[in-house]
Amino acid sequence: MRTMDKKMICQVAFAPIESVDYLADIKHVIKLIANSNIDHQVGTLSTMISGEKSKIFALLEDIYSVMDSRCGFTMDVKISNLCGQKQQDES
């Protein structure tokens, strides 16, 4: 029997620095997040992601690997094991 991975919430802000087309790079990151089938909400400056921690960490690694070959960037990541937990537990 597989045990459920612990849930977490993560805020990601991706900022291309050395980029030929920074908007295309941001849209590509949002597409990677959308294709991950992890709950997310795209905001003006960042995206909130919530779900199993192993899937979120795998997604962050995927974003890094894919975008490393496309542009120079910074990725500000905030991770919490508490924020949003109460809302997730109630649903």
PDB file of N, CA and C in Angstrom:
ATOM      1  N   MET A   1       0.829  -1.163   0.000  1.00  0.00           N
ATOM      2  CA  MET A   1       0.000   0.000   0.000  1.00  0.00           C
ATOM      3  C   MET A   1       0.889   1.247   0.000  1.00  0.00           C
ATOM      4  N   ARG A   2       0.594   2.178  -0.904  1.00  0.00           N
ATOM      5  CA  ARG A   2       1.378   3.416  -1.021  1.00  0.00           C
ATOM      6  C   ARG A   2       0.840   4.449  -0.045  1.00  0.00           C
ATOM      7  N   THR A   3       1.726   5.034   0.745  1.00  0.00           N
ATOM      8  CA  THR A   3       1.310   6.095   1.651  1.00  0.00           C
ATOM      9  C   THR A   3       1.356   7.419   0.913  1.00  0.00           C
ATOM     10  N   MET A   4       0.430   8.290   1.261  1.00  0.00           N
ATOM     11  CA  MET A   4       0.386   9.607   0.639  1.00  0.00           C
ATOM     12  C   MET A   4       1.589  10.425   1.080  1.00  0.00           C
ATOM     13  N   ASP A   5       2.194  11.083   0.127  1.00  0.00           N
ATOM     14  CA  ASP A   5       3.292  11.994   0.409  1.00  0.00           C
ATOM     15  C   ASP A   5       2.727  13.209   1.149  1.00  0.00           C
ATOM     16  N   LYS A   6       3.519  13.798   2.008  1.00  0.00           N
ATOM     17  CA  LYS A   6       3.079  14.975   2.750  1.00  0.00           C
ATOM     18  C   LYS A   6       2.780  16.120   1.788  1.00  0.00           C
ATOM     19  N   LYS A   7       1.709  16.848   2.070  1.00  0.00           N
ATOM     20  CA  LYS A   7       1.322  17.996   1.255  1.00  0.00           C
ATOM     21  C   LYS A   7       2.145  19.217   1.648  1.00  0.00           C
ATOM     22  N   MET A   8       2.339  20.088   0.679  1.00  0.00           N
ATOM     23  CA  MET A   8       3.021  21.345   0.934  1.00  0.00           C
ATOM     24  C   MET A   8       2.502  22.392  -0.029  1.00  0.00           C
ATOM     25  N   ILE A   9       2.829  23.622   0.249  1.00  0.00           N
ATOM     26  CA  ILE A   9       2.486  24.720  -0.654  1.00  0.00           C
ATOM     27  C   ILE A   9       3.769  25.461  -0.997  1.00  0.00           C
ATOM     28  N   CYS A  10       3.841  25.953  -2.216  1.00  0.00           N
ATOM     29  CA  CYS A  10       5.063  26.564  -2.714  1.00  0.00           C
ATOM     30  C   CYS A  10       4.698  27.782  -3.569  1.00  0.00           C
ATOM     31  N   GLN A  11       5.416  28.855  -3.388  1.00  0.00           N
ATOM     32  CA  GLN A  11       5.261  30.048  -4.215  1.00  0.00           C
ATOM     33  C   GLN A  11       6.507  30.169  -5.075  1.00  0.00           C
ATOM     34  N   VAL A  12       6.314  30.273  -6.394  1.00  0.00           N
ATOM     35  CA  VAL A  12       7.436  30.349  -7.329  1.00  0.00           C
ATOM     36  C   VAL A  12       7.344  31.652  -8.125  1.00  0.00           C
ATOM     37  N   ALA A  13       8.447  32.389  -8.136  1.00  0.00           N
ATOM     38  CA  ALA A  13       8.565  33.581  -8.969  1.00  0.00           C
ATOM     39  C   ALA A  13       9.781  33.366  -9.874  1.00  0.00           C
ATOM     40  N   PHE A  14       9.537  33.225 -11.173  1.00  0.00           N
ATOM     41  CA  PHE A  14      10.598  32.977 -12.150  1.00  0.00           C
ATOM     42  C   PHE A  14      10.916  34.276 -12.872  1.00  0.00           C
ATOM     43  N   ALA A  15      12.199  34.634 -12.926  1.00  0.00           N
ATOM     44  CA  ALA A  15      12.612  35.890 -13.576  1.00  0.00           C
ATOM     45  C   ALA A  15      13.774  35.636 -14.529  1.00  0.00           C
ATOM     46  N   PRO A  16      13.505  35.662 -15.846  1.00  0.00           N
ATOM     47  CA  PRO A  16      14.600  35.542 -16.809  1.00  0.00           C
ATOM     48  C   PRO A  16      15.513  36.754 -16.705  1.00  0.00           C
ATOM     49  N   ILE A  17      16.816  36.523 -16.786  1.00  0.00           N
ATOM     50  CA  ILE A  17      17.778  37.623 -16.719  1.00  0.00           C
ATOM     51  C   ILE A  17      18.507  37.761 -18.056  1.00  0.00           C
ATOM     52  N   GLU A  18      19.077  36.677 -18.537  1.00  0.00           N
ATOM     53  CA  GLU A  18      19.715  36.665 -19.855  1.00  0.00           C
ATOM     54  C   GLU A  18      18.799  35.881 -20.777  1.00  0.00           C
ATOM     55  N   SER A  19      17.961  36.624 -21.517  1.00  0.00           N
ATOM     56  CA  SER A  19      16.916  35.983 -22.302  1.00  0.00           C
ATOM     57  C   SER A  19      16.731  36.694 -23.633  1.00  0.00           C
ATOM     58  N   VAL A  20      16.506  35.918 -24.669  1.00  0.00           N
ATOM     59  CA  VAL A  20      16.202  36.487 -25.986  1.00  0.00           C
ATOM     60  C   VAL A  20      14.765  36.991 -25.993  1.00  0.00           C
ATOM     61  N   ASP A  21      13.856  36.260 -25.347  1.00  0.00           N
ATOM     62  CA  ASP A  21      12.437  36.612 -25.283  1.00  0.00           C
ATOM     63  C   ASP A  21      11.913  36.254 -23.899  1.00  0.00           C
ATOM     64  N   TYR A  22      12.004  37.202 -22.975  1.00  0.00           N
ATOM     65  CA  TYR A  22      11.668  36.907 -21.584  1.00  0.00           C
ATOM     66  C   TYR A  22      10.209  36.507 -21.393  1.00  0.00           C
ATOM     67  N   LEU A  23       9.285  37.091 -22.163  1.00  0.00           N
ATOM     68  CA  LEU A  23       7.881  36.716 -22.021  1.00  0.00           C
ATOM     69  C   LEU A  23       7.647  35.269 -22.445  1.00  0.00           C
ATOM     70  N   ALA A  24       8.292  34.843 -23.512  1.00  0.00           N
ATOM     71  CA  ALA A  24       8.174  33.448 -23.956  1.00  0.00           C
ATOM     72  C   ALA A  24       8.743  32.505 -22.904  1.00  0.00           C
ATOM     73  N   ASP A  25       9.836  32.907 -22.249  1.00  0.00           N
ATOM     74  CA  ASP A  25      10.429  32.064 -21.209  1.00  0.00           C
ATOM     75  C   ASP A  25       9.497  31.940 -20.002  1.00  0.00           C
ATOM     76  N   ILE A  26       8.875  33.035 -19.591  1.00  0.00           N
ATOM     77  CA  ILE A  26       7.923  32.990 -18.477  1.00  0.00           C
ATOM     78  C   ILE A  26       6.723  32.118 -18.847  1.00  0.00           C
ATOM     79  N   LYS A  27       6.212  32.296 -20.056  1.00  0.00           N
ATOM     80  CA  LYS A  27       5.073  31.480 -20.508  1.00  0.00           C
ATOM     81  C   LYS A  27       5.444  29.998 -20.549  1.00  0.00           C
ATOM     82  N   HIS A  28       6.687  29.693 -20.894  1.00  0.00           N
ATOM     83  CA  HIS A  28       7.125  28.302 -20.935  1.00  0.00           C
ATOM     84  C   HIS A  28       7.126  27.695 -19.530  1.00  0.00           C
ATOM     85  N   VAL A  29       7.573  28.459 -18.542  1.00  0.00           N
ATOM     86  CA  VAL A  29       7.559  27.976 -17.160  1.00  0.00           C
ATOM     87  C   VAL A  29       6.120  27.737 -16.704  1.00  0.00           C
ATOM     88  N   ILE A  30       5.225  28.657 -17.016  1.00  0.00           N
ATOM     89  CA  ILE A  30       3.817  28.483 -16.645  1.00  0.00           C
ATOM     90  C   ILE A  30       3.239  27.240 -17.325  1.00  0.00           C
ATOM     91  N   LYS A  31       3.644  26.988 -18.569  1.00  0.00           N
ATOM     92  CA  LYS A  31       3.186  25.787 -19.278  1.00  0.00           C
ATOM     93  C   LYS A  31       3.713  24.518 -18.598  1.00  0.00           C
ATOM     94  N   LEU A  32       4.979  24.530 -18.155  1.00  0.00           N
ATOM     95  CA  LEU A  32       5.530  23.384 -17.429  1.00  0.00           C
ATOM     96  C   LEU A  32       4.728  23.117 -16.156  1.00  0.00           C
ATOM     97  N   ILE A  33       4.378  24.175 -15.453  1.00  0.00           N
ATOM     98  CA  ILE A  33       3.592  24.031 -14.221  1.00  0.00           C
ATOM     99  C   ILE A  33       2.199  23.490 -14.552  1.00  0.00           C
ATOM    100  N   ALA A  34       1.551  24.063 -15.565  1.00  0.00           N
ATOM    101  CA  ALA A  34       0.206  23.614 -15.947  1.00  0.00           C
ATOM    102  C   ALA A  34       0.203  22.154 -16.385  1.00  0.00           C
ATOM    103  N   ASN A  35       1.228  21.732 -17.103  1.00  0.00           N
ATOM    104  CA  ASN A  35       1.308  20.350 -17.594  1.00  0.00           C
ATOM    105  C   ASN A  35       1.662  19.345 -16.503  1.00  0.00           C
ATOM    106  N   SER A  36       2.039  19.827 -15.320  1.00  0.00           N
ATOM    107  CA  SER A  36       2.429  18.930 -14.232  1.00  0.00           C
ATOM    108  C   SER A  36       1.231  18.288 -13.534  1.00  0.00           C
ATOM    109  N   ASN A  37       0.047  18.799 -13.797  1.00  0.00           N
ATOM    110  CA  ASN A  37      -1.172  18.316 -13.136  1.00  0.00           C
ATOM    111  C   ASN A  37      -1.126  18.472 -11.614  1.00  0.00           C
ATOM    112  N   ILE A  38      -0.395  19.482 -11.165  1.00  0.00           N
ATOM    113  CA  ILE A  38      -0.354  19.836  -9.746  1.00  0.00           C
ATOM    114  C   ILE A  38      -1.226  21.077  -9.578  1.00  0.00           C
ATOM    115  N   ASP A  39      -1.985  21.142  -8.492  1.00  0.00           N
ATOM    116  CA  ASP A  39      -2.828  22.314  -8.246  1.00  0.00           C
ATOM    117  C   ASP A  39      -1.971  23.572  -8.230  1.00  0.00           C
ATOM    118  N   HIS A  40      -2.404  24.595  -8.971  1.00  0.00           N
ATOM    119  CA  HIS A  40      -1.642  25.840  -9.011  1.00  0.00           C
ATOM    120  C   HIS A  40      -2.567  27.007  -9.319  1.00  0.00           C
ATOM    121  N   GLN A  41      -2.090  28.185  -8.976  1.00  0.00           N
ATOM    122  CA  GLN A  41      -2.806  29.411  -9.276  1.00  0.00           C
ATOM    123  C   GLN A  41      -1.782  30.439  -9.733  1.00  0.00           C
ATOM    124  N   VAL A  42      -1.907  30.850 -10.981  1.00  0.00           N
ATOM    125  CA  VAL A  42      -0.975  31.818 -11.553  1.00  0.00           C
ATOM    126  C   VAL A  42      -1.383  33.220 -11.118  1.00  0.00           C
ATOM    127  N   GLY A  43      -0.421  33.947 -10.567  1.00  0.00           N
ATOM    128  CA  GLY A  43      -0.659  35.323 -10.151  1.00  0.00           C
ATOM    129  C   GLY A  43       0.127  36.285 -11.025  1.00  0.00           C
ATOM    130  N   THR A  44       0.080  37.545 -10.688  1.00  0.00           N
ATOM    131  CA  THR A  44       0.759  38.577 -11.470  1.00  0.00           C
ATOM    132  C   THR A  44       2.275  38.426 -11.412  1.00  0.00           C
ATOM    133  N   LEU A  45       2.817  38.163 -10.227  1.00  0.00           N
ATOM    134  CA  LEU A  45       4.268  38.093 -10.066  1.00  0.00           C
ATOM    135  C   LEU A  45       4.784  36.713  -9.665  1.00  0.00           C
ATOM    136  N   SER A  46       3.887  35.814  -9.269  1.00  0.00           N
ATOM    137  CA  SER A  46       4.311  34.484  -8.849  1.00  0.00           C
ATOM    138  C   SER A  46       3.168  33.500  -9.036  1.00  0.00           C
ATOM    139  N   THR A  47       3.496  32.236  -8.860  1.00  0.00           N
ATOM    140  CA  THR A  47       2.511  31.165  -8.975  1.00  0.00           C
ATOM    141  C   THR A  47       2.521  30.353  -7.692  1.00  0.00           C
ATOM    142  N   MET A  48       1.333  30.076  -7.162  1.00  0.00           N
ATOM    143  CA  MET A  48       1.189  29.239  -5.974  1.00  0.00           C
ATOM    144  C   MET A  48       0.935  27.810  -6.437  1.00  0.00           C
ATOM    145  N   ILE A  49       1.662  26.871  -5.853  1.00  0.00           N
ATOM    146  CA  ILE A  49       1.541  25.466  -6.204  1.00  0.00           C
ATOM    147  C   ILE A  49       1.292  24.705  -4.908  1.00  0.00           C
ATOM    148  N   SER A  50       0.336  23.774  -4.917  1.00  0.00           N
ATOM    149  CA  SER A  50       0.100  22.971  -3.722  1.00  0.00           C
ATOM    150  C   SER A  50      -0.123  21.519  -4.109  1.00  0.00           C
ATOM    151  N   GLY A  51       0.432  20.636  -3.299  1.00  0.00           N
ATOM    152  CA  GLY A  51       0.288  19.217  -3.572  1.00  0.00           C
ATOM    153  C   GLY A  51       1.320  18.401  -2.836  1.00  0.00           C
ATOM    154  N   GLU A  52       1.547  17.196  -3.328  1.00  0.00           N
ATOM    155  CA  GLU A  52       2.511  16.299  -2.701  1.00  0.00           C
ATOM    156  C   GLU A  52       3.923  16.859  -2.863  1.00  0.00           C
ATOM    157  N   LYS A  53       4.681  16.846  -1.770  1.00  0.00           N
ATOM    158  CA  LYS A  53       5.998  17.490  -1.801  1.00  0.00           C
ATOM    159  C   LYS A  53       6.931  16.861  -2.833  1.00  0.00           C
ATOM    160  N   SER A  54       6.890  15.552  -3.015  1.00  0.00           N
ATOM    161  CA  SER A  54       7.785  14.923  -3.993  1.00  0.00           C
ATOM    162  C   SER A  54       7.477  15.401  -5.411  1.00  0.00           C
ATOM    163  N   LYS A  55       6.211  15.622  -5.713  1.00  0.00           N
ATOM    164  CA  LYS A  55       5.832  16.107  -7.045  1.00  0.00           C
ATOM    165  C   LYS A  55       6.252  17.562  -7.247  1.00  0.00           C
ATOM    166  N   ILE A  56       6.123  18.352  -6.188  1.00  0.00           N
ATOM    167  CA  ILE A  56       6.529  19.761  -6.300  1.00  0.00           C
ATOM    168  C   ILE A  56       8.039  19.871  -6.464  1.00  0.00           C
ATOM    169  N   PHE A  57       8.801  19.113  -5.680  1.00  0.00           N
ATOM    170  CA  PHE A  57      10.254  19.151  -5.828  1.00  0.00           C
ATOM    171  C   PHE A  57      10.682  18.646  -7.210  1.00  0.00           C
ATOM    172  N   ALA A  58      10.000  17.638  -7.735  1.00  0.00           N
ATOM    173  CA  ALA A  58      10.303  17.142  -9.081  1.00  0.00           C
ATOM    174  C   ALA A  58       9.981  18.216 -10.119  1.00  0.00           C
ATOM    175  N   LEU A  59       8.895  18.940  -9.931  1.00  0.00           N
ATOM    176  CA  LEU A  59       8.536  20.026 -10.849  1.00  0.00           C
ATOM    177  C   LEU A  59       9.588  21.131 -10.811  1.00  0.00           C
ATOM    178  N   LEU A  60      10.030  21.519  -9.615  1.00  0.00           N
ATOM    179  CA  LEU A  60      11.055  22.562  -9.503  1.00  0.00           C
ATOM    180  C   LEU A  60      12.344  22.140 -10.207  1.00  0.00           C
ATOM    181  N   GLU A  61      12.719  20.887 -10.054  1.00  0.00           N
ATOM    182  CA  GLU A  61      13.910  20.375 -10.733  1.00  0.00           C
ATOM    183  C   GLU A  61      13.716  20.388 -12.249  1.00  0.00           C
ATOM    184  N   ASP A  62      12.518  20.046 -12.703  1.00  0.00           N
ATOM    185  CA  ASP A  62      12.211  20.056 -14.132  1.00  0.00           C
ATOM    186  C   ASP A  62      12.293  21.482 -14.688  1.00  0.00           C
ATOM    187  N   ILE A  63      11.698  22.434 -13.978  1.00  0.00           N
ATOM    188  CA  ILE A  63      11.768  23.834 -14.416  1.00  0.00           C
ATOM    189  C   ILE A  63      13.226  24.266 -14.533  1.00  0.00           C
ATOM    190  N   TYR A  64      14.025  23.958 -13.513  1.00  0.00           N
ATOM    191  CA  TYR A  64      15.439  24.344 -13.535  1.00  0.00           C
ATOM    192  C   TYR A  64      16.152  23.724 -14.736  1.00  0.00           C
ATOM    193  N   SER A  65      15.978  22.442 -14.926  1.00  0.00           N
ATOM    194  CA  SER A  65      16.688  21.736 -16.007  1.00  0.00           C
ATOM    195  C   SER A  65      16.292  22.250 -17.382  1.00  0.00           C
ATOM    196  N   VAL A  66      15.008  22.417 -17.599  1.00  0.00           N
ATOM    197  CA  VAL A  66      14.524  22.876 -18.910  1.00  0.00           C
ATOM    198  C   VAL A  66      14.972  24.310 -19.182  1.00  0.00           C
ATOM    199  N   MET A  67      14.806  25.174 -18.199  1.00  0.00           N
ATOM    200  CA  MET A  67      15.096  26.590 -18.422  1.00  0.00           C
ATOM    201  C   MET A  67      16.590  26.893 -18.402  1.00  0.00           C
ATOM    202  N   ASP A  68      17.389  26.029 -17.810  1.00  0.00           N
ATOM    203  CA  ASP A  68      18.840  26.211 -17.789  1.00  0.00           C
ATOM    204  C   ASP A  68      19.415  26.239 -19.200  1.00  0.00           C
ATOM    205  N   SER A  69      18.803  25.514 -20.103  1.00  0.00           N
ATOM    206  CA  SER A  69      19.285  25.497 -21.487  1.00  0.00           C
ATOM    207  C   SER A  69      18.675  26.619 -22.330  1.00  0.00           C
ATOM    208  N   ARG A  70      17.688  27.337 -21.788  1.00  0.00           N
ATOM    209  CA  ARG A  70      17.006  28.391 -22.552  1.00  0.00           C
ATOM    210  C   ARG A  70      17.468  29.800 -22.210  1.00  0.00           C
ATOM    211  N   CYS A  71      17.780  30.044 -20.921  1.00  0.00           N
ATOM    212  CA  CYS A  71      18.080  31.417 -20.514  1.00  0.00           C
ATOM    213  C   CYS A  71      18.777  31.425 -19.161  1.00  0.00           C
ATOM    214  N   GLY A  72      19.324  32.586 -18.806  1.00  0.00           N
ATOM    215  CA  GLY A  72      19.798  32.811 -17.452  1.00  0.00           C
ATOM    216  C   GLY A  72      18.606  33.283 -16.639  1.00  0.00           C
ATOM    217  N   PHE A  73      18.518  32.892 -15.400  1.00  0.00           N
ATOM    218  CA  PHE A  73      17.328  33.247 -14.628  1.00  0.00           C
ATOM    219  C   PHE A  73      17.590  33.212 -13.129  1.00  0.00           C
ATOM    220  N   THR A  74      16.656  33.795 -12.403  1.00  0.00           N
ATOM    221  CA  THR A  74      16.551  33.565 -10.966  1.00  0.00           C
ATOM    222  C   THR A  74      15.169  32.961 -10.737  1.00  0.00           C
ATOM    223  N   MET A  75      15.087  32.119  -9.737  1.00  0.00           N
ATOM    224  CA  MET A  75      13.809  31.517  -9.384  1.00  0.00           C
ATOM    225  C   MET A  75      13.679  31.624  -7.876  1.00  0.00           C
ATOM    226  N   ASP A  76      12.784  32.488  -7.438  1.00  0.00           N
ATOM    227  CA  ASP A  76      12.530  32.685  -6.014  1.00  0.00           C
ATOM    228  C   ASP A  76      11.465  31.684  -5.599  1.00  0.00           C
ATOM    229  N   VAL A  77      11.817  30.789  -4.674  1.00  0.00           N
ATOM    230  CA  VAL A  77      10.914  29.721  -4.252  1.00  0.00           C
ATOM    231  C   VAL A  77      10.703  29.804  -2.751  1.00  0.00           C
ATOM    232  N   LYS A  78       9.447  29.901  -2.340  1.00  0.00           N
ATOM    233  CA  LYS A  78       9.099  29.874  -0.923  1.00  0.00           C
ATOM    234  C   LYS A  78       8.285  28.610  -0.690  1.00  0.00           C
ATOM    235  N   ILE A  79       8.677  27.843   0.315  1.00  0.00           N
ATOM    236  CA  ILE A  79       8.052  26.560   0.599  1.00  0.00           C
ATOM    237  C   ILE A  79       7.526  26.570   2.028  1.00  0.00           C
ATOM    238  N   SER A  80       6.326  26.039   2.206  1.00  0.00           N
ATOM    239  CA  SER A  80       5.764  25.941   3.543  1.00  0.00           C
ATOM    240  C   SER A  80       5.094  24.579   3.725  1.00  0.00           C
ATOM    241  N   ASN A  81       5.265  24.037   4.918  1.00  0.00           N
ATOM    242  CA  ASN A  81       4.536  22.815   5.256  1.00  0.00           C
ATOM    243  C   ASN A  81       3.295  23.147   6.080  1.00  0.00           C
ATOM    244  N   LEU A  82       3.051  24.437   6.307  1.00  0.00           N
ATOM    245  CA  LEU A  82       1.891  24.870   7.082  1.00  0.00           C
ATOM    246  C   LEU A  82       0.921  25.741   6.302  1.00  0.00           C
ATOM    247  N   CYS A  83       1.417  26.730   5.579  1.00  0.00           N
ATOM    248  CA  CYS A  83       0.548  27.653   4.857  1.00  0.00           C
ATOM    249  C   CYS A  83      -0.353  26.883   3.904  1.00  0.00           C
ATOM    250  N   GLY A  84      -1.643  27.128   3.985  1.00  0.00           N
ATOM    251  CA  GLY A  84      -2.579  26.459   3.105  1.00  0.00           C
ATOM    252  C   GLY A  84      -2.980  25.075   3.545  1.00  0.00           C
ATOM    253  N   GLN A  85      -2.333  24.500   4.559  1.00  0.00           N
ATOM    254  CA  GLN A  85      -2.652  23.154   5.005  1.00  0.00           C
ATOM    255  C   GLN A  85      -4.080  23.053   5.521  1.00  0.00           C
ATOM    256  N   LYS A  86      -4.508  23.996   6.312  1.00  0.00           N
ATOM    257  CA  LYS A  86      -5.852  23.933   6.879  1.00  0.00           C
ATOM    258  C   LYS A  86      -6.892  23.913   5.770  1.00  0.00           C
ATOM    259  N   GLN A  87      -6.709  24.761   4.762  1.00  0.00           N
ATOM    260  CA  GLN A  87      -7.637  24.795   3.629  1.00  0.00           C
ATOM    261  C   GLN A  87      -7.618  23.468   2.893  1.00  0.00           C
ATOM    262  N   GLN A  88      -6.438  22.886   2.678  1.00  0.00           N
ATOM    263  CA  GLN A  88      -6.345  21.621   1.967  1.00  0.00           C
ATOM    264  C   GLN A  88      -6.990  20.506   2.768  1.00  0.00           C
ATOM    265  N   ASP A  89      -6.796  20.509   4.090  1.00  0.00           N
ATOM    266  CA  ASP A  89      -7.330  19.444   4.944  1.00  0.00           C
ATOM    267  C   ASP A  89      -8.857  19.478   4.982  1.00  0.00           C
ATOM    268  N   GLU A  90      -9.437  20.676   4.855  1.00  0.00           N
ATOM    269  CA  GLU A  90     -10.890  20.825   4.920  1.00  0.00           C
ATOM    270  C   GLU A  90     -11.563  20.407   3.628  1.00  0.00           C
ATOM    271  N   SER A  91     -10.850  20.391   2.511  1.00  0.00           N
ATOM    272  CA  SER A  91     -11.486  20.062   1.237  1.00  0.00           C
ATOM    273  C   SER A  91     -11.539  18.587   0.981  1.00  0.00           C
TER     274      SER A  91
END
